Amino acid sequence: MIKSFIKSIQFFLLFISLYTHAQNSNSNSHSLTIQIPEVALLNIYNSSNNSITLNSNSVSEAGKPLIINDFDDSIWLNYSSIIGSQTKPSRSISLQITDGSVPEGLQLTVKIKNDAGKGAGKMGVPTISTQIVKNIPVKIIEQIGSSYTGVGPHNGHNLHYTLTQTNIPESYALLNYDQSQSIAITYTLSDN
């Protein structure tokens, strides 16, 4: 009887082990989280140095005018951007004078070139090719998506500054050498 009882227990244990083994599946899963960070970086590069000097010709003969028509195209805007298609669908870049001002009788303009094509993604587009630089924000590039321009001069958007006399008739009378000064121009990458 004990032998039969032991055999019954062995059979029962064998049956349970086969049953539990049959309940195990041949696949399983786990979760994996993928995170893409928000990126909004802007940098200014100059192909020569960090400052620009715009000036005029010198007058060498009495009766001749001072001609103010100088330009500089050494500034490049580089950016890296990862947007959120629903929360922040695009970005733009604006500029403004944040310290000092353009002397009376003069006008400072900036011409924004298209991206140089050395990066990838949805590059920004110049709003209007030439803008007057003011003490209030002026949008110069818009529709920036997830993109990068490349780093340094000759990457991104080239800026062409021009200093001229204004078109108003009394602009020459407003010129004053005591107004010669340095101004600070700030660029801002913003969410739309």
Protein backbone atom coordinates (compact mmCIF):
# COMPACT_ATOMS: atom_id res chain seq x y z
CA MET A 1 0.00 0.00 0.00
CA ILE A 2 2.79 2.38 0.76
CA LYS A 3 4.28 1.63 -2.64
CA SER A 4 1.05 2.45 -4.33
CA PHE A 5 0.69 5.61 -2.26
CA ILE A 6 4.24 6.75 -3.22
CA LYS A 7 3.53 5.98 -6.88
CA SER A 8 0.34 8.01 -6.65
CA ILE A 9 2.23 10.94 -5.16
CA GLN A 10 4.94 10.64 -7.84
CA PHE A 11 2.30 10.56 -10.56
CA PHE A 12 0.53 13.57 -9.02
CA LEU A 13 3.81 15.58 -8.80
CA LEU A 14 4.67 14.65 -12.40
CA PHE A 15 1.20 15.73 -13.53
CA ILE A 16 1.49 19.11 -11.67
CA SER A 17 4.95 19.80 -13.06
CA LEU A 18 3.78 19.05 -16.62
CA TYR A 19 0.69 21.17 -16.08
CA THR A 20 2.66 24.14 -14.71
CA HIS A 21 5.18 23.82 -17.52
CA ALA A 22 2.37 23.83 -20.08
CA GLN A 23 1.05 27.09 -18.59
CA ASN A 24 4.31 29.00 -19.34
CA SER A 25 4.16 30.97 -22.64
CA ASN A 26 6.82 31.10 -25.30
CA SER A 27 6.85 34.96 -25.42
CA ASN A 28 6.97 37.86 -23.02
CA SER A 29 7.27 41.62 -23.21
CA HIS A 30 8.48 44.69 -21.39
CA SER A 31 8.08 48.43 -21.92
CA LEU A 32 10.75 50.71 -23.35
CA THR A 33 10.56 54.50 -23.07
CA ILE A 34 11.99 56.67 -25.84
CA GLN A 35 12.57 60.30 -24.94
CA ILE A 36 13.46 63.08 -27.38
CA PRO A 37 14.58 66.26 -25.60
CA GLU A 38 13.45 69.74 -26.51
CA VAL A 39 16.33 71.70 -28.05
CA ALA A 40 16.44 75.47 -28.66
CA LEU A 41 20.00 76.79 -29.10
CA LEU A 42 21.21 79.88 -30.96
CA ASN A 43 24.73 81.13 -31.58
CA ILE A 44 26.35 83.99 -33.48
CA TYR A 45 29.61 83.52 -35.34
CA ASN A 46 31.74 86.13 -37.00
CA SER A 47 34.12 85.19 -39.79
CA SER A 48 36.64 87.82 -38.67
CA ASN A 49 36.18 88.92 -35.03
CA ASN A 50 33.40 89.56 -32.55
CA SER A 51 32.76 93.22 -33.32
CA ILE A 52 31.72 95.13 -36.41
CA THR A 53 32.68 98.70 -37.26
CA LEU A 54 30.56 100.62 -39.76
CA ASN A 55 31.71 104.08 -40.72
CA SER A 56 31.87 106.53 -43.59
CA ASN A 57 34.37 107.91 -46.01
CA SER A 58 36.43 110.89 -44.93
CA VAL A 59 35.79 114.28 -46.49
CA SER A 60 39.01 115.63 -47.99
CA GLU A 61 37.76 118.73 -49.82
CA ALA A 62 35.56 121.58 -48.67
CA GLY A 63 32.10 121.47 -50.17
CA LYS A 64 31.93 117.69 -50.54
CA PRO A 65 29.47 115.60 -48.45
CA LEU A 66 30.23 112.89 -45.99
CA ILE A 67 29.04 109.69 -47.67
CA ILE A 68 27.70 107.11 -45.25
CA ASN A 69 27.23 103.78 -46.98
CA ASP A 70 29.15 100.99 -45.25
CA PHE A 71 28.37 97.28 -44.91
CA ASP A 72 29.52 94.11 -43.18
CA ASP A 73 28.59 90.52 -44.01
CA SER A 74 30.71 88.61 -41.50
CA ILE A 75 27.94 87.50 -39.09
CA TRP A 76 26.43 83.99 -39.25
CA LEU A 77 23.48 82.68 -37.20
CA ASN A 78 23.65 79.00 -36.21
CA TYR A 79 20.85 77.15 -34.44
CA SER A 80 19.77 73.71 -33.28
CA SER A 81 16.07 73.07 -32.72
CA ILE A 82 13.86 70.13 -31.77
CA ILE A 83 10.21 71.20 -31.66
CA GLY A 84 7.04 69.64 -30.27
CA SER A 85 4.59 69.28 -33.16
CA GLN A 86 1.60 70.01 -30.92
CA THR A 87 3.04 72.14 -28.12
CA LYS A 88 5.63 74.23 -30.00
CA PRO A 89 5.13 73.66 -33.74
CA SER A 90 7.76 76.16 -34.91
CA ARG A 91 10.26 78.77 -33.81
CA SER A 92 11.44 82.15 -35.03
CA ILE A 93 14.45 84.42 -34.56
CA SER A 94 14.16 88.12 -33.86
CA LEU A 95 16.74 90.83 -33.33
CA GLN A 96 16.71 94.16 -31.57
CA ILE A 97 19.06 96.84 -30.34
CA THR A 98 19.35 96.26 -26.58
CA ASP A 99 21.96 98.90 -25.74
CA GLY A 100 22.54 102.23 -27.45
CA SER A 101 20.80 103.48 -30.57
CA VAL A 102 21.49 104.28 -34.19
CA PRO A 103 22.51 107.96 -34.43
CA GLU A 104 19.94 110.38 -35.80
CA GLY A 105 19.98 110.76 -39.57
CA LEU A 106 21.27 107.19 -40.06
CA GLN A 107 19.58 103.87 -40.70
CA LEU A 108 20.94 100.42 -39.93
CA THR A 109 19.49 97.56 -41.97
CA VAL A 110 20.16 93.84 -42.01
CA LYS A 111 19.67 91.54 -44.97
CA ILE A 112 19.06 87.91 -44.02
CA LYS A 113 20.23 85.20 -46.41
CA ASN A 114 18.71 81.74 -46.74
CA ASP A 115 20.34 78.90 -44.82
CA ALA A 116 23.70 77.82 -46.30
CA GLY A 117 22.49 74.21 -46.61
CA LYS A 118 25.13 72.48 -44.48
CA GLY A 119 22.75 71.15 -41.81
CA ALA A 120 19.51 69.19 -41.99
CA GLY A 121 15.86 69.38 -41.04
CA LYS A 122 13.21 72.06 -41.49
CA MET A 123 15.31 75.20 -41.77
CA GLY A 124 13.96 78.66 -41.04
CA VAL A 125 12.98 81.12 -43.77
CA PRO A 126 13.83 84.86 -43.77
CA THR A 127 10.66 86.90 -43.12
CA ILE A 128 11.64 89.76 -45.43
CA SER A 129 15.08 89.85 -46.97
CA THR A 130 15.96 93.30 -45.54
CA GLN A 131 14.85 94.68 -42.16
CA ILE A 132 15.51 97.97 -40.37
CA VAL A 133 17.26 97.28 -37.05
CA LYS A 134 15.33 98.95 -34.21
CA ASN A 135 15.10 99.12 -30.41
CA ILE A 136 12.06 96.83 -30.58
CA PRO A 137 12.13 93.13 -31.60
CA VAL A 138 12.01 92.56 -35.36
CA LYS A 139 11.33 89.01 -36.58
CA ILE A 140 13.97 88.05 -39.16
CA ILE A 141 13.62 84.24 -39.53
CA GLU A 142 10.47 82.13 -39.09
CA GLN A 143 9.13 78.59 -39.60
CA ILE A 144 12.10 76.89 -37.89
CA GLY A 145 11.26 73.25 -37.25
CA SER A 146 13.44 70.41 -35.98
CA SER A 147 16.75 71.25 -37.61
CA TYR A 148 20.42 72.15 -37.22
CA THR A 149 22.52 74.50 -39.34
CA GLY A 150 26.08 73.33 -38.77
CA VAL A 151 28.56 75.18 -36.57
CA GLY A 152 30.59 78.31 -37.24
CA PRO A 153 31.02 80.82 -40.04
CA HIS A 154 29.62 79.82 -43.44
CA ASN A 155 26.92 77.70 -41.74
CA GLY A 156 23.37 78.80 -41.06
CA HIS A 157 22.08 82.22 -42.12
CA ASN A 158 24.47 84.99 -43.19
CA LEU A 159 23.58 88.53 -42.11
CA HIS A 160 24.53 91.56 -44.18
CA TYR A 161 24.47 94.85 -42.20
CA THR A 162 24.33 98.20 -44.02
CA LEU A 163 24.59 101.69 -42.52
CA THR A 164 23.22 104.55 -44.64
CA GLN A 165 21.68 107.98 -44.28
CA THR A 166 17.93 107.98 -43.92
CA ASN A 167 15.81 109.11 -46.87
CA ILE A 168 14.34 112.14 -45.10
CA PRO A 169 15.59 115.49 -46.48
CA GLU A 170 16.94 116.82 -43.17
CA SER A 171 18.95 113.64 -42.40
CA TYR A 172 22.29 115.32 -43.19
CA ALA A 173 21.50 118.14 -40.75
CA LEU A 174 20.89 115.54 -38.01
CA LEU A 175 24.40 114.05 -38.26
CA ASN A 176 26.40 114.68 -35.10
CA TYR A 177 29.84 113.19 -34.40
CA ASP A 178 29.07 113.22 -30.65
CA GLN A 179 26.53 110.45 -31.38
CA SER A 180 29.23 108.00 -32.50
CA GLN A 181 28.74 104.98 -30.30
CA SER A 182 28.70 101.23 -29.94
CA ILE A 183 25.37 99.45 -29.90
CA ALA A 184 24.47 95.94 -28.76
CA ILE A 185 22.23 93.79 -30.95
CA THR A 186 20.52 90.80 -29.35
CA TYR A 187 19.13 87.80 -31.23
CA THR A 188 16.37 85.69 -29.65
CA LEU A 189 15.15 82.22 -30.67
CA SER A 190 11.47 82.00 -29.62
CA ASP A 191 8.62 79.51 -29.74
CA ASN A 192 5.69 80.50 -31.94
